[in-house]
Amino acid sequence: QCHLPPQTWINSINQTNKAALLAWAKETGIDLVQINGQRRYGGPPPGWVGDPPPAGTEVFIGRLPQDMYENTLIPLFQRVGKLYEFRLMMTFSGLNRGFAYAKYSNRHGAKEAIAAFNNFEVKEGYAIVVCKSTEKCELSMDGLATSVSQQELEAVLRRVTEGVLSVTLYTSPWRKRAQLAVLKYMSHQAAAMAKKTLMEGNMRFGGLEMRVDWLNPNMKQKLQSCEKKPSSSRVQGSKCLGVPKQVPQSPVLRNVLDCLNTLCQRQYLGTPLFLTKCVQANANGWLWFWCWVVIPGCPVPFSGFAWVRQDGTGRSGHEEAKIALALQVLRMLGES
């Protein structure tokens, strides 16, 4: 049985439409930039003068055929108004993920796009969905260790994501002895890219697995109401969510990750943040992982690749990869 190299396999997918896209981009002079799973035109487009368009000018486009690209979509959506930006979400294989965002120069363009293209058949059997984009800018990060400070988390997030405006910590309403962070970003795009980075990175901060999602409006209201009550976090028996007190981690060293956490605390380096991503899986069970760890007190992050294999102990491949990288970091720091 013959196995194609990954890049050869990727290049073989949807070749005709990929070639048409390249020809169109060359002919029109349109510049498409792909960053972290999305391909973008504009933001701002050539010749744009002034501030970005206000809220309410972006539309969400769903149910797209996965083999359709900007050479078809941008001219279509430009029929009803001037585009400020167009973002097509992409897969690793070069197909689109079935959805995109179009931001117009004004709200009228967005309204016209919804009226003209919602339920529009872009291809036989493919009626797309076009609606107003929610343009959310806030994320919730649940499962932070109680030892993690606001300054420490914000410093790490500024390294691994872009556009962070603020970080606020609360006692987690769902998990015991954990914190929930509300992360505010400068734009919906920045928040969406941060969400993708943090979720795909299988993040672990302070030893706990974290859940990252869009901030639920009901949760936001509850958190804000508690924040306005100065004594709410001190009332015994209250279910209100207040800012927690800092609790030191247990000094017991259960594994390599604990060793690294303890070393960083002892040397006042801050809590390590791990991001891992599986980039290849072999038929024999071995997994090829990209790993990255940011330690707030170190000037540069540690990164590398590692082959790991689940050993039947119940640990995931991501966990094995984190352990492998933690061991390497300890060796670099002279502790192993």
C-alpha atoms as a PDB file:
ATOM      1  CA  GLN A   1       0.000   0.000   0.000  1.00  0.00           C
ATOM      2  CA  CYS A   2       1.397   3.394  -1.054  1.00  0.00           C
ATOM      3  CA  HIS A   3       1.103   6.403   1.278  1.00  0.00           C
ATOM      4  CA  LEU A   4       1.464   9.862  -0.280  1.00  0.00           C
ATOM      5  CA  PRO A   5       3.537  12.443   1.619  1.00  0.00           C
ATOM      6  CA  PRO A   6       1.180  14.895   3.419  1.00  0.00           C
ATOM      7  CA  GLN A   7       2.007  17.883   1.168  1.00  0.00           C
ATOM      8  CA  THR A   8       1.556  15.816  -2.025  1.00  0.00           C
ATOM      9  CA  TRP A   9      -1.836  14.614  -0.777  1.00  0.00           C
ATOM     10  CA  ILE A  10      -2.874  18.182   0.124  1.00  0.00           C
ATOM     11  CA  ASN A  11      -1.836  19.541  -3.276  1.00  0.00           C
ATOM     12  CA  SER A  12      -3.877  16.860  -5.050  1.00  0.00           C
ATOM     13  CA  ILE A  13      -7.174  18.045  -3.484  1.00  0.00           C
ATOM     14  CA  ASN A  14      -9.423  20.361  -5.535  1.00  0.00           C
ATOM     15  CA  GLN A  15      -6.646  21.201  -7.997  1.00  0.00           C
ATOM     16  CA  THR A  16      -8.888  22.789 -10.655  1.00  0.00           C
ATOM     17  CA  ASN A  17     -10.499  25.306  -8.316  1.00  0.00           C
ATOM     18  CA  LYS A  18      -7.181  26.101  -6.625  1.00  0.00           C
ATOM     19  CA  ALA A  19      -5.661  26.871 -10.024  1.00  0.00           C
ATOM     20  CA  ALA A  20      -8.654  29.070 -10.933  1.00  0.00           C
ATOM     21  CA  LEU A  21      -8.231  30.988  -7.656  1.00  0.00           C
ATOM     22  CA  LEU A  22      -4.536  31.641  -8.328  1.00  0.00           C
ATOM     23  CA  ALA A  23      -5.286  32.799 -11.881  1.00  0.00           C
ATOM     24  CA  TRP A  24      -8.031  35.151 -10.640  1.00  0.00           C
ATOM     25  CA  ALA A  25      -5.809  36.630  -7.913  1.00  0.00           C
ATOM     26  CA  LYS A  26      -3.033  37.245 -10.440  1.00  0.00           C
ATOM     27  CA  GLU A  27      -5.410  38.813 -12.954  1.00  0.00           C
ATOM     28  CA  THR A  28      -7.151  41.123 -10.464  1.00  0.00           C
ATOM     29  CA  GLY A  29      -4.116  41.889  -8.308  1.00  0.00           C
ATOM     30  CA  ILE A  30      -6.100  40.972  -5.209  1.00  0.00           C
ATOM     31  CA  ASP A  31      -3.905  39.993  -2.268  1.00  0.00           C
ATOM     32  CA  LEU A  32      -5.110  37.092  -0.098  1.00  0.00           C
ATOM     33  CA  VAL A  33      -3.331  36.475   3.200  1.00  0.00           C
ATOM     34  CA  GLN A  34      -3.759  33.207   5.121  1.00  0.00           C
ATOM     35  CA  ILE A  35      -3.107  33.233   8.871  1.00  0.00           C
ATOM     36  CA  ASN A  36      -4.019  30.501  11.370  1.00  0.00           C
ATOM     37  CA  GLY A  37      -6.828  28.796   9.496  1.00  0.00           C
ATOM     38  CA  GLN A  38      -8.428  31.743   7.727  1.00  0.00           C
ATOM     39  CA  ARG A  39      -7.704  33.493   4.435  1.00  0.00           C
ATOM     40  CA  ARG A  40      -8.336  37.222   4.340  1.00  0.00           C
ATOM     41  CA  TYR A  41      -8.857  39.909   1.749  1.00  0.00           C
ATOM     42  CA  GLY A  42      -8.755  43.552   2.806  1.00  0.00           C
ATOM     43  CA  GLY A  43      -9.116  44.734   6.353  1.00  0.00           C
ATOM     44  CA  PRO A  44      -8.509  47.415   5.011  1.00  0.00           C
ATOM     45  CA  PRO A  45      -8.778  47.002   1.224  1.00  0.00           C
ATOM     46  CA  PRO A  46      -6.465  48.929  -1.142  1.00  0.00           C
ATOM     47  CA  GLY A  47      -7.204  52.657  -1.171  1.00  0.00           C
ATOM     48  CA  TRP A  48      -9.171  52.678   2.080  1.00  0.00           C
ATOM     49  CA  VAL A  49      -8.937  55.946   4.024  1.00  0.00           C
ATOM     50  CA  GLY A  50     -10.207  56.468   7.562  1.00  0.00           C
ATOM     51  CA  ASP A  51     -11.362  54.264  10.423  1.00  0.00           C
ATOM     52  CA  PRO A  52     -12.701  50.701  10.046  1.00  0.00           C
ATOM     53  CA  PRO A  53     -16.489  50.354   9.514  1.00  0.00           C
ATOM     54  CA  PRO A  54     -18.677  50.411  12.661  1.00  0.00           C
ATOM     55  CA  ALA A  55     -20.393  47.423  14.276  1.00  0.00           C
ATOM     56  CA  GLY A  56     -23.274  45.976  12.281  1.00  0.00           C
ATOM     57  CA  THR A  57     -21.437  45.969   8.954  1.00  0.00           C
ATOM     58  CA  GLU A  58     -20.361  42.305   8.960  1.00  0.00           C
ATOM     59  CA  VAL A  59     -22.378  39.299   7.763  1.00  0.00           C
ATOM     60  CA  PHE A  60     -21.894  35.602   8.433  1.00  0.00           C
ATOM     61  CA  ILE A  61     -22.004  33.277   5.389  1.00  0.00           C
ATOM     62  CA  GLY A  62     -22.717  29.606   6.057  1.00  0.00           C
ATOM     63  CA  ARG A  63     -23.343  26.314   4.228  1.00  0.00           C
ATOM     64  CA  LEU A  64     -20.734  27.082   1.580  1.00  0.00           C
ATOM     65  CA  PRO A  65     -19.545  24.297  -0.756  1.00  0.00           C
ATOM     66  CA  GLN A  66     -16.094  23.381   0.570  1.00  0.00           C
ATOM     67  CA  ASP A  67     -14.495  23.524  -2.867  1.00  0.00           C
ATOM     68  CA  MET A  68     -15.556  27.142  -3.496  1.00  0.00           C
ATOM     69  CA  TYR A  69     -13.074  29.988  -3.115  1.00  0.00           C
ATOM     70  CA  GLU A  70     -12.763  33.782  -3.173  1.00  0.00           C
ATOM     71  CA  ASN A  71     -12.654  34.005  -6.986  1.00  0.00           C
ATOM     72  CA  THR A  72     -16.382  33.131  -6.879  1.00  0.00           C
ATOM     73  CA  LEU A  73     -17.395  34.573  -3.511  1.00  0.00           C
ATOM     74  CA  ILE A  74     -15.790  38.025  -3.491  1.00  0.00           C
ATOM     75  CA  PRO A  75     -17.248  39.139  -6.862  1.00  0.00           C
ATOM     76  CA  LEU A  76     -20.639  37.791  -5.751  1.00  0.00           C
ATOM     77  CA  PHE A  77     -20.719  39.714  -2.470  1.00  0.00           C
ATOM     78  CA  GLN A  78     -19.273  42.851  -4.074  1.00  0.00           C
ATOM     79  CA  ARG A  79     -22.428  43.128  -6.192  1.00  0.00           C
ATOM     80  CA  VAL A  80     -24.376  44.714  -3.329  1.00  0.00           C
ATOM     81  CA  GLY A  81     -21.770  46.974  -1.720  1.00  0.00           C
ATOM     82  CA  LYS A  82     -18.116  47.816  -1.168  1.00  0.00           C
ATOM     83  CA  LEU A  83     -16.280  45.139   0.809  1.00  0.00           C
ATOM     84  CA  TYR A  84     -13.957  46.255   3.588  1.00  0.00           C
ATOM     85  CA  GLU A  85     -12.880  42.697   4.378  1.00  0.00           C
ATOM     86  CA  PHE A  86     -13.659  39.099   3.409  1.00  0.00           C
ATOM     87  CA  ARG A  87     -12.519  36.146   5.541  1.00  0.00           C
ATOM     88  CA  LEU A  88     -12.819  32.527   4.402  1.00  0.00           C
ATOM     89  CA  MET A  89     -12.216  29.847   7.044  1.00  0.00           C
ATOM     90  CA  MET A  90      -9.836  27.156   5.747  1.00  0.00           C
ATOM     91  CA  THR A  91      -8.954  23.549   6.559  1.00  0.00           C
ATOM     92  CA  PHE A  92      -5.444  22.094   6.594  1.00  0.00           C
ATOM     93  CA  SER A  93      -6.168  20.381   3.247  1.00  0.00           C
ATOM     94  CA  GLY A  94      -6.914  23.647   1.445  1.00  0.00           C
ATOM     95  CA  LEU A  95     -10.696  23.219   1.321  1.00  0.00           C
ATOM     96  CA  ASN A  96     -12.806  25.860   3.045  1.00  0.00           C
ATOM     97  CA  ARG A  97     -14.586  25.015   6.306  1.00  0.00           C
ATOM     98  CA  GLY A  98     -18.031  25.878   4.959  1.00  0.00           C
ATOM     99  CA  PHE A  99     -18.319  29.411   6.287  1.00  0.00           C
ATOM    100  CA  ALA A 100     -16.961  32.928   5.828  1.00  0.00           C
ATOM    101  CA  TYR A 101     -17.429  36.543   6.971  1.00  0.00           C
ATOM    102  CA  ALA A 102     -17.946  39.583   4.740  1.00  0.00           C
ATOM    103  CA  LYS A 103     -17.526  43.060   6.237  1.00  0.00           C
ATOM    104  CA  TYR A 104     -18.941  45.985   4.268  1.00  0.00           C
ATOM    105  CA  SER A 105     -17.983  49.659   4.278  1.00  0.00           C
ATOM    106  CA  ASN A 106     -21.375  50.539   5.808  1.00  0.00           C
ATOM    107  CA  ARG A 107     -24.468  48.923   7.370  1.00  0.00           C
ATOM    108  CA  HIS A 108     -26.486  49.351   4.171  1.00  0.00           C
ATOM    109  CA  GLY A 109     -24.155  46.962   2.340  1.00  0.00           C
ATOM    110  CA  ALA A 110     -24.586  44.316   5.052  1.00  0.00           C
ATOM    111  CA  LYS A 111     -28.385  44.615   4.931  1.00  0.00           C
ATOM    112  CA  GLU A 112     -28.376  44.330   1.133  1.00  0.00           C
ATOM    113  CA  ALA A 113     -26.188  41.200   1.321  1.00  0.00           C
ATOM    114  CA  ILE A 114     -28.618  39.500   3.711  1.00  0.00           C
ATOM    115  CA  ALA A 115     -31.612  40.435   1.547  1.00  0.00           C
ATOM    116  CA  ALA A 116     -29.963  39.316  -1.690  1.00  0.00           C
ATOM    117  CA  PHE A 117     -28.006  36.195  -0.700  1.00  0.00           C
ATOM    118  CA  ASN A 118     -29.725  34.478   2.232  1.00  0.00           C
ATOM    119  CA  ASN A 119     -30.969  31.151   0.760  1.00  0.00           C
ATOM    120  CA  PHE A 120     -29.201  32.029  -2.513  1.00  0.00           C
ATOM    121  CA  GLU A 121     -28.081  28.939  -4.469  1.00  0.00           C
ATOM    122  CA  VAL A 122     -24.377  29.468  -5.199  1.00  0.00           C
ATOM    123  CA  LYS A 123     -24.138  26.020  -6.746  1.00  0.00           C
ATOM    124  CA  GLU A 124     -26.729  23.396  -7.591  1.00  0.00           C
ATOM    125  CA  GLY A 125     -27.963  21.963  -4.300  1.00  0.00           C
ATOM    126  CA  TYR A 126     -26.109  24.544  -2.174  1.00  0.00           C
ATOM    127  CA  ALA A 127     -28.342  27.322  -0.809  1.00  0.00           C
ATOM    128  CA  ILE A 128     -26.198  29.438   1.496  1.00  0.00           C
ATOM    129  CA  VAL A 129     -27.145  31.154   4.764  1.00  0.00           C
ATOM    130  CA  VAL A 130     -26.338  34.852   5.128  1.00  0.00           C
ATOM    131  CA  CYS A 131     -27.167  36.667   8.365  1.00  0.00           C
ATOM    132  CA  LYS A 132     -25.884  39.435  10.603  1.00  0.00           C
ATOM    133  CA  SER A 133     -22.610  38.531  12.312  1.00  0.00           C
ATOM    134  CA  THR A 134     -22.750  38.627  16.113  1.00  0.00           C
ATOM    135  CA  GLU A 135     -19.260  40.190  16.224  1.00  0.00           C
ATOM    136  CA  LYS A 136     -18.581  38.832  19.709  1.00  0.00           C
ATOM    137  CA  CYS A 137     -15.400  40.119  21.326  1.00  0.00           C
ATOM    138  CA  GLU A 138     -15.365  38.305  24.695  1.00  0.00           C
ATOM    139  CA  LEU A 139     -14.288  34.788  25.639  1.00  0.00           C
ATOM    140  CA  SER A 140     -14.633  32.790  28.838  1.00  0.00           C
ATOM    141  CA  MET A 141     -11.772  30.593  30.019  1.00  0.00           C
ATOM    142  CA  ASP A 142     -12.873  28.195  32.741  1.00  0.00           C
ATOM    143  CA  GLY A 143     -10.610  25.902  34.784  1.00  0.00           C
ATOM    144  CA  LEU A 144      -7.725  28.180  35.750  1.00  0.00           C
ATOM    145  CA  ALA A 145      -5.827  27.182  38.876  1.00  0.00           C
ATOM    146  CA  THR A 146      -6.540  29.472  41.839  1.00  0.00           C
ATOM    147  CA  SER A 147      -2.824  30.355  42.015  1.00  0.00           C
ATOM    148  CA  VAL A 148      -2.910  32.097  38.619  1.00  0.00           C
ATOM    149  CA  SER A 149      -3.009  35.904  38.889  1.00  0.00           C
ATOM    150  CA  GLN A 150      -4.637  38.337  36.478  1.00  0.00           C
ATOM    151  CA  GLN A 151      -1.285  39.923  35.549  1.00  0.00           C
ATOM    152  CA  GLU A 152       0.289  36.525  34.939  1.00  0.00           C
ATOM    153  CA  LEU A 153      -2.532  35.329  32.672  1.00  0.00           C
ATOM    154  CA  GLU A 154      -2.639  38.592  30.730  1.00  0.00           C
ATOM    155  CA  ALA A 155       1.123  38.464  30.112  1.00  0.00           C
ATOM    156  CA  VAL A 156       0.856  34.934  28.707  1.00  0.00           C
ATOM    157  CA  LEU A 157      -2.188  35.720  26.535  1.00  0.00           C
ATOM    158  CA  ARG A 158      -0.400  38.702  24.999  1.00  0.00           C
ATOM    159  CA  ARG A 159       2.312  36.297  23.865  1.00  0.00           C
ATOM    160  CA  VAL A 160       0.081  33.661  22.298  1.00  0.00           C
ATOM    161  CA  THR A 161      -2.823  35.806  21.015  1.00  0.00           C
ATOM    162  CA  GLU A 162      -3.258  39.294  19.559  1.00  0.00           C
ATOM    163  CA  GLY A 163      -5.585  42.149  20.482  1.00  0.00           C
ATOM    164  CA  VAL A 164      -6.138  41.485  24.222  1.00  0.00           C
ATOM    165  CA  LEU A 165      -7.852  44.472  25.844  1.00  0.00           C
ATOM    166  CA  SER A 166      -8.579  43.156  29.335  1.00  0.00           C
ATOM    167  CA  VAL A 167      -8.570  40.064  31.549  1.00  0.00           C
ATOM    168  CA  THR A 168     -10.891  39.695  34.569  1.00  0.00           C
ATOM    169  CA  LEU A 169     -10.837  36.756  37.008  1.00  0.00           C
ATOM    170  CA  TYR A 170     -13.780  35.284  38.947  1.00  0.00           C
ATOM    171  CA  THR A 171     -14.399  32.161  40.995  1.00  0.00           C
ATOM    172  CA  SER A 172     -15.499  29.440  38.585  1.00  0.00           C
ATOM    173  CA  PRO A 173     -19.224  28.682  38.921  1.00  0.00           C
ATOM    174  CA  TRP A 174     -18.757  25.194  37.442  1.00  0.00           C
ATOM    175  CA  ARG A 175     -15.505  23.813  38.853  1.00  0.00           C
ATOM    176  CA  LYS A 176     -14.279  23.550  42.438  1.00  0.00           C
ATOM    177  CA  ARG A 177     -11.059  25.309  43.405  1.00  0.00           C
ATOM    178  CA  ALA A 178     -10.757  26.935  39.988  1.00  0.00           C
ATOM    179  CA  GLN A 179     -11.129  30.362  38.371  1.00  0.00           C
ATOM    180  CA  LEU A 180     -12.994  31.627  35.324  1.00  0.00           C
ATOM    181  CA  ALA A 181     -11.422  34.392  33.238  1.00  0.00           C
ATOM    182  CA  VAL A 182     -13.292  36.807  30.976  1.00  0.00           C
ATOM    183  CA  LEU A 183     -11.058  37.814  28.062  1.00  0.00           C
ATOM    184  CA  LYS A 184     -11.956  40.911  26.058  1.00  0.00           C
ATOM    185  CA  TYR A 185     -10.416  41.443  22.597  1.00  0.00           C
ATOM    186  CA  MET A 186     -10.287  44.483  20.341  1.00  0.00           C
ATOM    187  CA  SER A 187     -12.418  42.874  17.583  1.00  0.00           C
ATOM    188  CA  HIS A 188     -14.489  39.826  16.740  1.00  0.00           C
ATOM    189  CA  GLN A 189     -11.740  38.631  14.428  1.00  0.00           C
ATOM    190  CA  ALA A 190      -9.093  38.892  17.157  1.00  0.00           C
ATOM    191  CA  ALA A 191     -11.374  37.037  19.601  1.00  0.00           C
ATOM    192  CA  ALA A 192     -12.174  34.320  17.041  1.00  0.00           C
ATOM    193  CA  MET A 193      -8.487  33.768  16.260  1.00  0.00           C
ATOM    194  CA  ALA A 194      -7.661  33.658  19.981  1.00  0.00           C
ATOM    195  CA  LYS A 195     -10.443  31.113  20.564  1.00  0.00           C
ATOM    196  CA  LYS A 196      -9.100  28.914  17.765  1.00  0.00           C
ATOM    197  CA  THR A 197      -5.520  29.150  19.049  1.00  0.00           C
ATOM    198  CA  LEU A 198      -6.450  28.414  22.664  1.00  0.00           C
ATOM    199  CA  MET A 199      -8.850  25.548  21.827  1.00  0.00           C
ATOM    200  CA  GLU A 200      -6.547  23.843  19.328  1.00  0.00           C
ATOM    201  CA  GLY A 201      -3.637  24.263  21.706  1.00  0.00           C
ATOM    202  CA  ASN A 202      -5.356  22.002  24.259  1.00  0.00           C
ATOM    203  CA  MET A 203      -4.364  24.533  26.902  1.00  0.00           C
ATOM    204  CA  ARG A 204      -3.325  23.727  30.432  1.00  0.00           C
ATOM    205  CA  PHE A 205      -2.432  26.501  32.865  1.00  0.00           C
ATOM    206  CA  GLY A 206      -1.464  25.695  36.435  1.00  0.00           C
ATOM    207  CA  GLY A 207      -2.108  21.950  36.032  1.00  0.00           C
ATOM    208  CA  LEU A 208      -5.831  22.088  35.143  1.00  0.00           C
ATOM    209  CA  GLU A 209      -7.444  21.439  31.753  1.00  0.00           C
ATOM    210  CA  MET A 210      -9.267  24.551  30.566  1.00  0.00           C
ATOM    211  CA  ARG A 211     -12.404  25.171  28.559  1.00  0.00           C
ATOM    212  CA  VAL A 212     -12.488  28.173  26.216  1.00  0.00           C
ATOM    213  CA  ASP A 213     -15.738  29.431  24.686  1.00  0.00           C
ATOM    214  CA  TRP A 214     -17.619  32.580  23.735  1.00  0.00           C
ATOM    215  CA  LEU A 215     -18.836  34.422  26.827  1.00  0.00           C
ATOM    216  CA  ASN A 216     -22.497  33.589  27.431  1.00  0.00           C
ATOM    217  CA  PRO A 217     -24.603  36.795  27.865  1.00  0.00           C
ATOM    218  CA  ASN A 218     -26.403  35.361  30.903  1.00  0.00           C
ATOM    219  CA  MET A 219     -23.099  34.461  32.532  1.00  0.00           C
ATOM    220  CA  LYS A 220     -21.716  37.918  31.739  1.00  0.00           C
ATOM    221  CA  GLN A 221     -24.704  39.574  33.425  1.00  0.00           C
ATOM    222  CA  LYS A 222     -24.350  37.369  36.508  1.00  0.00           C
ATOM    223  CA  LEU A 223     -20.625  38.054  36.769  1.00  0.00           C
ATOM    224  CA  GLN A 224     -21.133  41.795  36.376  1.00  0.00           C
ATOM    225  CA  SER A 225     -23.878  41.894  39.027  1.00  0.00           C
ATOM    226  CA  CYS A 226     -21.594  40.149  41.482  1.00  0.00           C
ATOM    227  CA  GLU A 227     -18.726  42.461  40.650  1.00  0.00           C
ATOM    228  CA  LYS A 228     -20.831  45.460  41.671  1.00  0.00           C
ATOM    229  CA  LYS A 229     -21.340  44.082  45.189  1.00  0.00           C
ATOM    230  CA  PRO A 230     -18.123  44.757  47.180  1.00  0.00           C
ATOM    231  CA  SER A 231     -18.964  42.261  49.913  1.00  0.00           C
ATOM    232  CA  SER A 232     -20.499  39.549  47.729  1.00  0.00           C
ATOM    233  CA  SER A 233     -17.386  37.378  47.614  1.00  0.00           C
ATOM    234  CA  ARG A 234     -17.120  37.423  51.427  1.00  0.00           C
ATOM    235  CA  VAL A 235     -20.687  36.419  52.311  1.00  0.00           C
ATOM    236  CA  GLN A 236     -20.831  32.874  53.668  1.00  0.00           C
ATOM    237  CA  GLY A 237     -23.140  30.581  51.755  1.00  0.00           C
ATOM    238  CA  SER A 238     -23.584  33.085  48.922  1.00  0.00           C
ATOM    239  CA  LYS A 239     -23.649  31.651  45.400  1.00  0.00           C
ATOM    240  CA  CYS A 240     -22.427  34.951  43.983  1.00  0.00           C
ATOM    241  CA  LEU A 241     -19.247  34.810  41.915  1.00  0.00           C
ATOM    242  CA  GLY A 242     -16.564  37.003  43.441  1.00  0.00           C
ATOM    243  CA  VAL A 243     -12.865  37.457  42.707  1.00  0.00           C
ATOM    244  CA  PRO A 244     -11.080  34.599  44.490  1.00  0.00           C
ATOM    245  CA  LYS A 245      -8.228  34.793  46.940  1.00  0.00           C
ATOM    246  CA  GLN A 246      -4.901  33.401  45.750  1.00  0.00           C
ATOM    247  CA  VAL A 247      -4.345  29.870  47.023  1.00  0.00           C
ATOM    248  CA  PRO A 248      -0.883  28.281  46.823  1.00  0.00           C
ATOM    249  CA  GLN A 249      -0.516  25.058  44.884  1.00  0.00           C
ATOM    250  CA  SER A 250       0.206  21.801  46.606  1.00  0.00           C
ATOM    251  CA  PRO A 251       3.977  21.184  46.804  1.00  0.00           C
ATOM    252  CA  VAL A 252       3.499  17.445  46.187  1.00  0.00           C
ATOM    253  CA  LEU A 253       5.318  16.446  42.985  1.00  0.00           C
ATOM    254  CA  ARG A 254       3.067  13.955  41.190  1.00  0.00           C
ATOM    255  CA  ASN A 255       4.847  14.009  37.820  1.00  0.00           C
ATOM    256  CA  VAL A 256       7.091  15.987  35.502  1.00  0.00           C
ATOM    257  CA  LEU A 257       4.466  18.702  35.015  1.00  0.00           C
ATOM    258  CA  ASP A 258       4.290  19.227  38.781  1.00  0.00           C
ATOM    259  CA  CYS A 259       8.096  19.427  38.916  1.00  0.00           C
ATOM    260  CA  LEU A 260       8.111  22.178  36.309  1.00  0.00           C
ATOM    261  CA  ASN A 261       5.253  24.063  37.993  1.00  0.00           C
ATOM    262  CA  THR A 262       7.024  23.931  41.359  1.00  0.00           C
ATOM    263  CA  LEU A 263      10.376  25.008  39.878  1.00  0.00           C
ATOM    264  CA  CYS A 264       8.746  28.006  38.182  1.00  0.00           C
ATOM    265  CA  GLN A 265       7.002  29.020  41.412  1.00  0.00           C
ATOM    266  CA  ARG A 266      10.209  28.615  43.414  1.00  0.00           C
ATOM    267  CA  GLN A 267      12.108  30.845  40.980  1.00  0.00           C
ATOM    268  CA  TYR A 268       9.198  33.332  40.656  1.00  0.00           C
ATOM    269  CA  LEU A 269       8.886  32.686  36.909  1.00  0.00           C
ATOM    270  CA  GLY A 270       5.093  32.366  36.871  1.00  0.00           C
ATOM    271  CA  THR A 271       2.862  29.454  35.874  1.00  0.00           C
ATOM    272  CA  PRO A 272       3.772  27.612  32.626  1.00  0.00           C
ATOM    273  CA  LEU A 273       1.204  27.633  29.833  1.00  0.00           C
ATOM    274  CA  PHE A 274       1.212  24.632  27.476  1.00  0.00           C
ATOM    275  CA  LEU A 275      -0.164  24.493  23.927  1.00  0.00           C
ATOM    276  CA  THR A 276      -0.014  21.277  21.917  1.00  0.00           C
ATOM    277  CA  LYS A 277      -1.268  20.252  18.486  1.00  0.00           C
ATOM    278  CA  CYS A 278      -1.208  16.831  16.843  1.00  0.00           C
ATOM    279  CA  VAL A 279       0.129  17.296  13.297  1.00  0.00           C
ATOM    280  CA  GLN A 280       0.472  13.656  12.227  1.00  0.00           C
ATOM    281  CA  ALA A 281      -0.783  10.225  13.321  1.00  0.00           C
ATOM    282  CA  ASN A 282       0.795   6.954  12.179  1.00  0.00           C
ATOM    283  CA  ALA A 283      -1.043   3.668  11.731  1.00  0.00           C
ATOM    284  CA  ASN A 284       1.163   2.059  14.411  1.00  0.00           C
ATOM    285  CA  GLY A 285      -0.168   4.416  17.090  1.00  0.00           C
ATOM    286  CA  TRP A 286       2.617   7.004  17.203  1.00  0.00           C
ATOM    287  CA  LEU A 287       1.574  10.668  17.214  1.00  0.00           C
ATOM    288  CA  TRP A 288       3.698  13.613  16.017  1.00  0.00           C
ATOM    289  CA  PHE A 289       3.011  16.677  18.201  1.00  0.00           C
ATOM    290  CA  TRP A 290       3.974  20.332  17.956  1.00  0.00           C
ATOM    291  CA  CYS A 291       4.467  21.658  21.489  1.00  0.00           C
ATOM    292  CA  TRP A 292       4.885  25.145  22.920  1.00  0.00           C
ATOM    293  CA  VAL A 293       5.272  26.300  26.516  1.00  0.00           C
ATOM    294  CA  VAL A 294       5.292  29.925  27.648  1.00  0.00           C
ATOM    295  CA  ILE A 295       6.792  30.750  31.054  1.00  0.00           C
ATOM    296  CA  PRO A 296       6.038  34.408  31.965  1.00  0.00           C
ATOM    297  CA  GLY A 297       9.451  34.961  33.567  1.00  0.00           C
ATOM    298  CA  CYS A 298      11.430  33.589  30.608  1.00  0.00           C
ATOM    299  CA  PRO A 299      12.187  35.972  27.725  1.00  0.00           C
ATOM    300  CA  VAL A 300      11.293  33.489  24.961  1.00  0.00           C
ATOM    301  CA  PRO A 301       8.889  30.501  24.804  1.00  0.00           C
ATOM    302  CA  PHE A 302      10.089  26.916  24.510  1.00  0.00           C
ATOM    303  CA  SER A 303       8.875  24.953  21.487  1.00  0.00           C
ATOM    304  CA  GLY A 304       9.571  21.785  19.547  1.00  0.00           C
ATOM    305  CA  PHE A 305       8.203  18.567  18.069  1.00  0.00           C
ATOM    306  CA  ALA A 306       7.877  15.173  19.730  1.00  0.00           C
ATOM    307  CA  TRP A 307       6.756  11.656  18.854  1.00  0.00           C
ATOM    308  CA  VAL A 308       4.535  10.228  21.591  1.00  0.00           C
ATOM    309  CA  ARG A 309       2.442   7.134  22.057  1.00  0.00           C
ATOM    310  CA  GLN A 310      -0.440   6.572  24.463  1.00  0.00           C
ATOM    311  CA  ASP A 311       0.767   3.969  26.934  1.00  0.00           C
ATOM    312  CA  GLY A 312      -2.517   2.720  28.361  1.00  0.00           C
ATOM    313  CA  THR A 313      -2.268   4.813  31.551  1.00  0.00           C
ATOM    314  CA  GLY A 314      -5.304   6.860  30.574  1.00  0.00           C
ATOM    315  CA  ARG A 315      -3.298   9.920  29.568  1.00  0.00           C
ATOM    316  CA  SER A 316      -4.127  11.521  26.215  1.00  0.00           C
ATOM    317  CA  GLY A 317      -1.617  12.168  23.462  1.00  0.00           C
ATOM    318  CA  HIS A 318      -1.713  15.864  24.380  1.00  0.00           C
ATOM    319  CA  GLU A 319      -0.814  14.980  27.978  1.00  0.00           C
ATOM    320  CA  GLU A 320       2.109  12.804  26.847  1.00  0.00           C
ATOM    321  CA  ALA A 321       3.353  15.620  24.604  1.00  0.00           C
ATOM    322  CA  LYS A 322       3.215  18.117  27.480  1.00  0.00           C
ATOM    323  CA  ILE A 323       5.177  15.740  29.683  1.00  0.00           C
ATOM    324  CA  ALA A 324       7.815  15.270  26.950  1.00  0.00           C
ATOM    325  CA  LEU A 325       8.220  19.046  26.515  1.00  0.00           C
ATOM    326  CA  ALA A 326       8.210  19.674  30.298  1.00  0.00           C
ATOM    327  CA  LEU A 327      11.070  17.185  30.648  1.00  0.00           C
ATOM    328  CA  GLN A 328      13.052  19.009  27.964  1.00  0.00           C
ATOM    329  CA  VAL A 329      12.433  22.373  29.651  1.00  0.00           C
ATOM    330  CA  LEU A 330      13.564  20.982  33.002  1.00  0.00           C
ATOM    331  CA  ARG A 331      16.763  19.745  31.365  1.00  0.00           C
ATOM    332  CA  MET A 332      17.369  23.191  29.823  1.00  0.00           C
ATOM    333  CA  LEU A 333      16.841  24.767  33.232  1.00  0.00           C
ATOM    334  CA  GLY A 334      19.266  22.290  34.780  1.00  0.00           C
ATOM    335  CA  GLU A 335      16.706  20.505  36.946  1.00  0.00           C
ATOM    336  CA  SER A 336      16.684  17.033  35.366  1.00  0.00           C
END
